Protein backbone atom coordinates (compact mmCIF):
# COMPACT_ATOMS: atom_id res chain seq x y z
CA MET A 1 81.71 39.99 101.65
CA LEU A 2 85.01 38.19 102.08
CA CYS A 3 83.21 34.89 101.62
CA ARG A 4 81.73 36.03 98.33
CA LEU A 5 85.10 37.18 97.01
CA LEU A 6 86.69 33.84 97.85
CA THR A 7 83.85 31.98 96.15
CA PHE A 8 84.23 34.10 92.96
CA ALA A 9 88.01 33.61 92.91
CA LEU A 10 87.55 29.86 93.28
CA PHE A 11 85.08 29.86 90.36
CA LEU A 12 87.54 31.69 88.15
CA SER A 13 90.39 29.35 89.05
CA LEU A 14 88.30 26.29 88.21
CA SER A 15 86.76 27.61 84.98
CA ALA A 16 89.92 29.19 83.51
CA PRO A 17 91.48 25.86 82.38
CA LEU A 18 88.18 24.87 80.75
CA LEU A 19 87.86 28.18 78.92
CA TRP A 20 91.49 27.97 77.75
CA ALA A 21 90.96 24.41 76.54
CA ASP A 22 87.83 25.36 74.58
CA HIS A 23 89.56 28.36 73.06
CA HIS A 24 92.63 26.31 72.19
CA GLU A 25 90.44 23.63 70.61
CA GLU A 26 88.79 26.21 68.33
CA GLU A 27 92.17 27.48 67.08
CA LYS A 28 93.36 24.05 65.98
CA PRO A 29 93.84 24.21 62.18
CA PRO A 30 91.74 21.85 60.05
CA ARG A 31 93.30 18.84 58.43
CA THR A 32 93.74 19.41 54.69
CA ILE A 33 94.93 17.74 51.52
CA ALA A 34 96.61 19.71 48.71
CA VAL A 35 96.62 18.49 45.11
CA ALA A 36 97.69 19.85 41.72
CA GLY A 37 95.87 19.23 38.45
CA GLU A 38 96.76 19.75 34.80
CA GLY A 39 94.51 20.09 31.78
CA LYS A 40 95.60 19.86 28.13
CA VAL A 41 93.76 20.64 24.91
CA LYS A 42 95.35 19.84 21.55
CA THR A 43 94.54 22.10 18.63
CA LYS A 44 95.85 23.21 15.26
CA PRO A 45 97.25 26.75 15.17
CA ASP A 46 95.45 29.17 12.88
CA THR A 47 97.93 32.08 12.85
CA ALA A 48 101.67 32.58 12.50
CA SER A 49 104.18 35.40 12.77
CA ILE A 50 107.50 35.85 11.00
CA SER A 51 110.25 38.43 11.31
CA ALA A 52 112.01 39.53 8.12
CA GLY A 53 114.92 41.92 8.27
CA VAL A 54 117.83 43.36 6.34
CA VAL A 55 121.38 43.68 7.70
CA THR A 56 123.78 45.84 5.68
CA GLU A 57 127.34 47.03 6.24
CA ALA A 58 129.30 49.88 4.63
CA ASP A 59 132.23 52.20 5.30
CA THR A 60 129.97 54.96 6.57
CA ALA A 61 126.74 54.94 8.53
CA ARG A 62 125.00 56.95 5.81
CA GLU A 63 125.97 54.48 3.10
CA ALA A 64 124.91 51.50 5.21
CA LEU A 65 121.58 53.18 5.99
CA ASP A 66 120.87 54.02 2.34
CA LYS A 67 121.56 50.44 1.25
CA ASN A 68 119.43 49.07 4.07
CA THR A 69 116.53 51.44 3.42
CA GLU A 70 116.33 50.53 -0.26
CA ARG A 71 116.25 46.79 0.39
CA MET A 72 113.95 47.03 3.43
CA GLN A 73 111.39 49.06 1.48
CA GLN A 74 111.27 46.26 -1.07
CA VAL A 75 110.84 43.65 1.68
CA MET A 76 107.98 45.50 3.36
CA GLN A 77 106.28 46.19 0.03
CA GLY A 78 106.61 42.49 -0.77
CA LEU A 79 104.90 41.59 2.51
CA LEU A 80 101.99 43.87 1.67
CA GLU A 81 101.75 42.42 -1.83
CA ALA A 82 101.70 38.93 -0.30
CA GLY A 83 98.46 39.80 1.50
CA ILE A 84 99.76 41.01 4.86
CA SER A 85 97.52 43.73 6.30
CA GLN A 86 99.01 47.08 7.31
CA ASP A 87 97.70 46.44 10.84
CA ASP A 88 99.60 43.12 10.92
CA LEU A 89 102.94 44.62 9.84
CA GLN A 90 105.18 46.35 12.38
CA THR A 91 108.83 47.40 12.64
CA SER A 92 110.23 45.40 15.55
CA GLN A 93 113.91 46.39 15.49
CA PHE A 94 116.11 49.13 14.07
CA SER A 95 119.74 49.76 14.94
CA VAL A 96 122.89 51.44 13.65
CA SER A 97 126.13 50.18 15.19
CA PRO A 98 129.87 50.46 14.44
CA VAL A 99 131.90 47.53 13.13
CA TYR A 100 135.32 47.18 14.75
CA SER A 101 138.51 45.67 13.38
CA ARG A 102 139.48 42.24 14.66
CA LEU A 103 142.26 42.03 17.22
CA SER A 104 145.32 39.95 16.46
CA ARG A 105 145.59 36.81 18.59
CA LYS A 106 149.19 35.94 17.68
CA ALA A 107 151.47 35.27 20.62
CA GLY A 108 153.80 38.17 21.31
CA ALA A 109 151.96 40.55 19.00
CA PRO A 110 151.65 44.09 20.38
CA ARG A 111 148.27 45.11 21.70
CA VAL A 112 146.31 47.21 19.25
CA ASP A 113 143.11 48.96 20.18
CA PRO A 114 140.19 48.05 17.91
CA LYS A 115 139.22 50.65 15.33
CA ILE A 116 135.93 51.39 13.65
CA VAL A 117 136.17 50.01 10.11
CA GLY A 118 132.53 50.38 9.09
CA TYR A 119 128.92 50.51 10.19
CA ARG A 120 126.12 47.97 10.38
CA VAL A 121 122.42 48.80 10.02
CA THR A 122 119.70 46.33 11.03
CA ASN A 123 116.01 46.81 10.28
CA THR A 124 113.45 44.12 11.04
CA ALA A 125 109.70 43.92 10.49
CA THR A 126 107.33 41.42 12.11
CA ALA A 127 104.34 40.23 10.10
CA ILE A 128 101.29 38.26 11.23
CA ILE A 129 100.08 35.70 8.69
CA ARG A 130 96.44 34.64 9.08
CA ASP A 131 96.38 32.26 6.12
CA LEU A 132 98.89 29.53 6.95
CA THR A 133 98.94 28.28 3.35
CA LYS A 134 100.80 31.50 2.41
CA ILE A 135 103.73 31.11 4.80
CA GLY A 136 106.07 29.36 2.37
CA GLY A 137 105.33 31.85 -0.39
CA VAL A 138 105.82 34.82 1.94
CA LEU A 139 109.21 33.53 3.08
CA ASP A 140 110.29 32.89 -0.51
CA LYS A 141 109.23 36.39 -1.51
CA VAL A 142 110.95 38.36 1.25
CA ILE A 143 114.22 36.46 0.87
CA LYS A 144 114.27 37.04 -2.88
CA LEU A 145 113.65 40.74 -2.22
CA GLY A 146 116.70 41.02 0.02
CA ALA A 147 115.81 39.87 3.54
CA ASN A 148 118.89 38.22 5.03
CA SER A 149 117.79 37.96 8.67
CA VAL A 150 114.66 35.85 9.07
CA SER A 151 113.08 34.23 12.12
CA GLY A 152 109.91 32.21 12.50
CA PRO A 153 107.39 31.08 11.81
CA SER A 154 105.91 31.19 15.29
CA PHE A 155 102.55 29.41 15.29
CA PHE A 156 99.76 30.28 17.69
CA VAL A 157 96.00 30.34 18.14
CA ASP A 158 94.52 33.75 17.54
CA GLN A 159 91.66 33.33 20.04
CA PRO A 160 92.81 30.77 22.66
CA GLY A 161 90.27 31.82 25.33
CA PRO A 162 87.62 29.08 24.83
CA LEU A 163 90.29 26.37 24.56
CA LEU A 164 92.03 27.65 27.68
CA ASP A 165 88.72 27.50 29.57
CA GLU A 166 88.35 23.87 28.50
CA ALA A 167 91.87 23.16 29.74
CA ARG A 168 91.01 24.79 33.09
CA GLU A 169 87.98 22.53 33.51
CA LYS A 170 90.13 19.50 32.78
CA ALA A 171 92.76 20.70 35.28
CA VAL A 172 90.15 20.99 38.08
CA ALA A 173 88.75 17.54 37.25
CA ASP A 174 92.28 16.09 37.32
CA ALA A 175 93.01 17.65 40.72
CA LEU A 176 89.77 16.35 42.25
CA ARG A 177 90.44 12.88 40.85
CA LYS A 178 93.82 12.85 42.57
CA ALA A 179 92.28 14.09 45.81
CA ARG A 180 89.68 11.28 45.83
CA LEU A 181 92.40 8.72 45.06
CA LEU A 182 94.61 9.92 47.90
CA ALA A 183 91.71 10.11 50.35
CA LYS A 184 90.70 6.55 49.53
CA ALA A 185 94.27 5.31 49.97
CA ALA A 186 94.52 7.09 53.34
CA ASP A 187 91.03 5.92 54.42
CA VAL A 188 89.73 9.44 55.08
CA GLN A 189 86.77 11.45 53.87
CA LEU A 190 87.12 14.60 51.82
CA GLY A 191 85.43 17.80 52.94
CA ALA A 192 84.86 21.17 51.31
CA ILE A 193 87.28 22.90 48.96
CA GLN A 194 89.25 25.57 50.81
CA THR A 195 91.23 27.25 48.02
CA ILE A 196 91.70 27.00 44.26
CA ARG A 197 94.75 28.67 42.73
CA GLU A 198 95.48 28.77 38.99
CA GLY A 199 98.96 28.56 37.55
CA GLY A 200 100.74 27.87 34.27
CA GLY A 201 99.87 29.32 30.88
CA TYR A 202 99.92 29.03 27.12
CA ALA A 203 103.13 30.09 25.37
CA PRO A 204 103.92 29.10 21.76
CA GLN A 205 107.61 28.74 20.99
CA PRO A 206 109.00 30.35 17.81
CA ARG A 207 111.31 28.52 15.43
CA ARG A 208 114.23 30.62 14.29
CA MET A 209 116.39 30.68 11.19
CA ASN A 210 119.82 32.25 11.06
CA ARG A 211 121.13 34.36 8.21
CA ALA A 212 122.97 31.48 6.51
CA MET A 213 119.80 29.39 6.44
CA ALA A 214 117.85 32.31 5.00
CA MET A 215 120.36 32.84 2.19
CA ASP A 216 120.35 29.11 1.41
CA MET A 217 116.57 29.18 1.02
CA GLU A 218 116.68 31.55 -1.97
CA ALA A 219 116.88 28.69 -4.43
CA LYS A 220 114.52 26.37 -2.58
CA SER A 221 110.83 26.14 -1.92
CA VAL A 222 110.01 26.55 1.76
CA PRO A 223 108.12 23.56 3.21
CA ILE A 224 106.09 24.53 6.27
CA ALA A 225 104.23 22.22 8.68
CA ALA A 226 102.10 23.87 11.36
CA GLY A 227 101.46 20.63 13.28
CA THR A 228 99.47 20.81 16.51
CA GLN A 229 99.89 22.66 19.78
CA GLU A 230 98.88 22.04 23.36
CA ILE A 231 97.07 24.64 25.40
CA ARG A 232 97.66 23.90 29.06
CA ALA A 233 96.27 25.01 32.40
CA THR A 234 97.25 24.00 35.92
CA VAL A 235 95.46 24.44 39.25
CA ASN A 236 96.30 23.83 42.90
CA ILE A 237 93.40 22.86 45.18
CA VAL A 238 93.27 22.52 48.96
CA LEU A 239 90.44 20.46 50.53
CA THR A 240 89.63 19.69 54.13
CA ILE A 241 89.72 16.17 55.55
CA GLU A 242 86.75 15.25 57.71
């Protein structure tokens, strides 16, 4: 019996390093290569949004609100008459705030706490324009009707899904091209794709006009150029190296 126990212990002591080596070999992480790809699709926007608002000031909040309401009703009615659908017209901002007196900045002047000298009312509506040829006329109309706070137009594609899919395909192709180039330069062979992770997105940037620009446009025609936009997609791909 003692002889058998010694033989078994000797077998374990000899095989343990081999088992540990095999196990350690299996845990070794695979060699990989990570690449990023970008895809771009140029297109002409087919939709735009503008924000048209009225800012009024008066001695009392009630007076400022009444003046603002009268002019804003005209602006919103003008948007509807210009062909904007009710579903594409939405109030995006409304506020009533006090207007304070300005503090004196003269050296040595006694400190005076600011006082409320009036009230300011702001009401803004955002409209979606689906016929880009009407943008200039819409801007002309709302400014003539009393809008003195205007921003936009912000151009975008109403249904960007198919174009974004095309950009994704281009991004994957770009990443794989880079992977093949790097593998060739390093004299290695590419294996299977391990992970694909999407990033980036499509975000049109609005152009904004301040109140002074809006007032100056009353006597001018509004030239508008939609131009083109890029829809982008990015991916990150990890491949094994054989």
